[in-house]
Amino acid sequence: MEEPIDEINRIKEVLFFQKRTQKWLADELGVSTTAMTAMCNNKTQPHLKDLKKIAAILDVDIRELLISTKRD
């Protein structure tokens, strides 16, 4: 049985709300569409430097790109 994927980032959600595509972000960041798709689907996680760049490109606080580990 396959282990569930831990969702760590919210890049896909932020792109959806900004009406932007994964391809657009991949081009802006300078990575392949395949790499961006993997990040958006939480199959891989961006390095912190890349996460900071993504936040700047999307004009959001870096914390908006992460799923909180703190439960209320």
N, C-alpha and C. Protein backbone atom coordinates (compact mmCIF):
# COMPACT_ATOMS: atom_id res chain seq x y z
N MET A 1 0.84 -1.18 0.00
CA MET A 1 0.00 0.00 0.00
C MET A 1 0.88 1.25 0.00
N GLU A 2 0.54 2.22 -0.84
CA GLU A 2 1.33 3.43 -0.98
C GLU A 2 1.05 4.39 0.16
N GLU A 3 2.14 5.00 0.68
CA GLU A 3 2.01 5.97 1.76
C GLU A 3 1.43 7.28 1.25
N PRO A 4 0.54 7.93 2.00
CA PRO A 4 -0.01 9.22 1.54
C PRO A 4 1.09 10.28 1.46
N ILE A 5 0.93 11.20 0.52
CA ILE A 5 1.90 12.27 0.33
C ILE A 5 1.65 13.35 1.37
N ASP A 6 2.73 13.74 2.05
CA ASP A 6 2.63 14.85 2.99
C ASP A 6 2.53 16.14 2.20
N GLU A 7 1.47 16.87 2.41
CA GLU A 7 1.32 18.16 1.75
C GLU A 7 2.05 19.19 2.59
N ILE A 8 3.04 19.80 1.97
CA ILE A 8 3.87 20.77 2.68
C ILE A 8 3.67 22.17 2.12
N ASN A 9 3.53 22.27 0.80
CA ASN A 9 3.40 23.60 0.22
C ASN A 9 2.02 23.83 -0.41
N ARG A 10 1.72 25.10 -0.61
CA ARG A 10 0.42 25.54 -1.16
C ARG A 10 0.61 26.28 -2.48
N ILE A 11 1.70 26.00 -3.19
CA ILE A 11 1.99 26.72 -4.42
C ILE A 11 0.84 26.61 -5.41
N LYS A 12 0.31 25.42 -5.58
CA LYS A 12 -0.78 25.19 -6.54
C LYS A 12 -2.01 26.03 -6.18
N GLU A 13 -2.32 26.09 -4.89
CA GLU A 13 -3.48 26.89 -4.43
C GLU A 13 -3.29 28.37 -4.72
N VAL A 14 -2.10 28.87 -4.42
CA VAL A 14 -1.82 30.29 -4.64
C VAL A 14 -1.90 30.62 -6.13
N LEU A 15 -1.36 29.74 -6.97
CA LEU A 15 -1.46 29.94 -8.41
C LEU A 15 -2.93 29.99 -8.85
N PHE A 16 -3.73 29.09 -8.32
CA PHE A 16 -5.15 29.04 -8.67
C PHE A 16 -5.84 30.36 -8.33
N PHE A 17 -5.61 30.86 -7.12
CA PHE A 17 -6.26 32.10 -6.69
C PHE A 17 -5.77 33.31 -7.47
N GLN A 18 -4.52 33.24 -7.94
CA GLN A 18 -3.99 34.35 -8.75
C GLN A 18 -4.26 34.17 -10.24
N LYS A 19 -4.94 33.09 -10.58
CA LYS A 19 -5.27 32.77 -11.98
C LYS A 19 -4.00 32.73 -12.85
N ARG A 20 -2.99 32.05 -12.32
CA ARG A 20 -1.73 31.87 -13.04
C ARG A 20 -1.51 30.38 -13.23
N THR A 21 -0.64 30.05 -14.19
CA THR A 21 -0.39 28.64 -14.50
C THR A 21 0.95 28.17 -13.95
N GLN A 22 1.05 26.86 -13.81
CA GLN A 22 2.32 26.26 -13.40
C GLN A 22 3.40 26.53 -14.44
N LYS A 23 3.01 26.52 -15.71
CA LYS A 23 3.97 26.80 -16.79
C LYS A 23 4.51 28.22 -16.66
N TRP A 24 3.64 29.17 -16.39
CA TRP A 24 4.06 30.55 -16.21
C TRP A 24 5.09 30.65 -15.08
N LEU A 25 4.78 30.02 -13.94
CA LEU A 25 5.70 30.08 -12.79
C LEU A 25 7.01 29.38 -13.10
N ALA A 26 6.94 28.25 -13.80
CA ALA A 26 8.15 27.54 -14.19
C ALA A 26 9.04 28.44 -15.04
N ASP A 27 8.45 29.13 -16.00
CA ASP A 27 9.20 30.05 -16.87
C ASP A 27 9.81 31.19 -16.05
N GLU A 28 9.03 31.77 -15.14
CA GLU A 28 9.51 32.87 -14.31
C GLU A 28 10.66 32.43 -13.40
N LEU A 29 10.57 31.20 -12.89
CA LEU A 29 11.57 30.68 -11.96
C LEU A 29 12.77 30.09 -12.70
N GLY A 30 12.57 29.74 -13.97
CA GLY A 30 13.67 29.16 -14.74
C GLY A 30 13.86 27.67 -14.49
N VAL A 31 12.75 26.97 -14.25
CA VAL A 31 12.80 25.52 -14.08
C VAL A 31 11.88 24.87 -15.12
N SER A 32 12.01 23.58 -15.28
CA SER A 32 11.17 22.88 -16.25
C SER A 32 9.73 22.80 -15.74
N THR A 33 8.83 22.65 -16.68
CA THR A 33 7.41 22.48 -16.33
C THR A 33 7.23 21.22 -15.49
N THR A 34 7.99 20.18 -15.81
CA THR A 34 7.91 18.92 -15.06
C THR A 34 8.32 19.13 -13.60
N ALA A 35 9.40 19.87 -13.39
CA ALA A 35 9.85 20.16 -12.02
C ALA A 35 8.80 20.97 -11.26
N MET A 36 8.21 21.95 -11.92
CA MET A 36 7.20 22.78 -11.27
C MET A 36 5.97 21.97 -10.94
N THR A 37 5.56 21.09 -11.84
CA THR A 37 4.40 20.23 -11.59
C THR A 37 4.64 19.35 -10.36
N ALA A 38 5.84 18.82 -10.24
CA ALA A 38 6.18 17.98 -9.08
C ALA A 38 6.10 18.79 -7.79
N MET A 39 6.57 20.04 -7.84
CA MET A 39 6.48 20.91 -6.65
C MET A 39 5.03 21.22 -6.31
N CYS A 40 4.24 21.56 -7.32
CA CYS A 40 2.84 21.92 -7.10
C CYS A 40 2.02 20.74 -6.58
N ASN A 41 2.43 19.53 -6.92
CA ASN A 41 1.72 18.33 -6.47
C ASN A 41 2.33 17.73 -5.21
N ASN A 42 3.27 18.46 -4.59
CA ASN A 42 3.93 18.03 -3.36
C ASN A 42 4.67 16.71 -3.51
N LYS A 43 5.10 16.38 -4.71
CA LYS A 43 5.92 15.19 -4.92
C LYS A 43 7.38 15.50 -4.59
N THR A 44 7.79 16.75 -4.83
CA THR A 44 9.08 17.27 -4.40
C THR A 44 8.84 18.63 -3.77
N GLN A 45 9.81 19.08 -3.00
CA GLN A 45 9.69 20.39 -2.37
C GLN A 45 10.80 21.31 -2.87
N PRO A 46 10.48 22.58 -3.10
CA PRO A 46 11.50 23.52 -3.55
C PRO A 46 12.51 23.79 -2.43
N HIS A 47 13.74 24.09 -2.81
CA HIS A 47 14.74 24.53 -1.84
C HIS A 47 14.26 25.86 -1.27
N LEU A 48 14.73 26.20 -0.09
CA LEU A 48 14.30 27.45 0.53
C LEU A 48 14.59 28.66 -0.33
N LYS A 49 15.73 28.67 -1.02
CA LYS A 49 16.05 29.80 -1.91
C LYS A 49 14.99 29.93 -3.00
N ASP A 50 14.59 28.78 -3.57
CA ASP A 50 13.57 28.79 -4.62
C ASP A 50 12.21 29.19 -4.05
N LEU A 51 11.91 28.75 -2.85
CA LEU A 51 10.65 29.12 -2.23
C LEU A 51 10.59 30.63 -2.02
N LYS A 52 11.72 31.22 -1.64
CA LYS A 52 11.79 32.67 -1.47
C LYS A 52 11.58 33.38 -2.81
N LYS A 53 12.18 32.84 -3.87
CA LYS A 53 12.00 33.41 -5.21
C LYS A 53 10.54 33.30 -5.65
N ILE A 54 9.93 32.15 -5.40
CA ILE A 54 8.53 31.93 -5.77
C ILE A 54 7.64 32.95 -5.06
N ALA A 55 7.90 33.17 -3.76
CA ALA A 55 7.13 34.15 -2.99
C ALA A 55 7.27 35.54 -3.61
N ALA A 56 8.48 35.88 -4.03
CA ALA A 56 8.70 37.20 -4.65
C ALA A 56 7.98 37.30 -5.98
N ILE A 57 8.07 36.25 -6.79
CA ILE A 57 7.41 36.25 -8.10
C ILE A 57 5.89 36.39 -7.94
N LEU A 58 5.33 35.68 -6.96
CA LEU A 58 3.89 35.70 -6.74
C LEU A 58 3.46 36.88 -5.85
N ASP A 59 4.43 37.63 -5.33
CA ASP A 59 4.17 38.77 -4.46
C ASP A 59 3.33 38.39 -3.25
N VAL A 60 3.79 37.33 -2.56
CA VAL A 60 3.13 36.88 -1.34
C VAL A 60 4.19 36.67 -0.27
N ASP A 61 3.76 36.64 0.98
CA ASP A 61 4.64 36.29 2.08
C ASP A 61 4.99 34.81 1.93
N ILE A 62 6.22 34.47 2.17
CA ILE A 62 6.66 33.08 2.01
C ILE A 62 5.79 32.11 2.83
N ARG A 63 5.27 32.58 3.96
CA ARG A 63 4.44 31.71 4.82
C ARG A 63 3.14 31.31 4.13
N GLU A 64 2.68 32.11 3.17
CA GLU A 64 1.46 31.76 2.44
C GLU A 64 1.67 30.55 1.53
N LEU A 65 2.91 30.22 1.25
CA LEU A 65 3.21 29.09 0.37
C LEU A 65 3.35 27.78 1.14
N LEU A 66 3.27 27.85 2.46
CA LEU A 66 3.46 26.66 3.27
C LEU A 66 2.19 26.30 4.04
N ILE A 67 2.01 25.03 4.27
CA ILE A 67 0.89 24.56 5.08
C ILE A 67 1.36 24.55 6.53
N SER A 68 0.60 25.18 7.38
CA SER A 68 0.97 25.29 8.79
C SER A 68 1.04 23.92 9.45
N THR A 69 2.03 23.74 10.31
CA THR A 69 2.15 22.49 11.06
C THR A 69 1.48 22.62 12.42
N LYS A 70 1.04 23.82 12.73
CA LYS A 70 0.40 24.10 14.01
C LYS A 70 -1.11 23.93 13.88
N ARG A 71 -1.69 23.13 14.68
CA ARG A 71 -3.13 22.91 14.68
C ARG A 71 -3.77 23.71 15.80
N ASP A 72 -4.88 24.36 15.52
CA ASP A 72 -5.58 25.14 16.55
C ASP A 72 -6.39 24.25 17.44
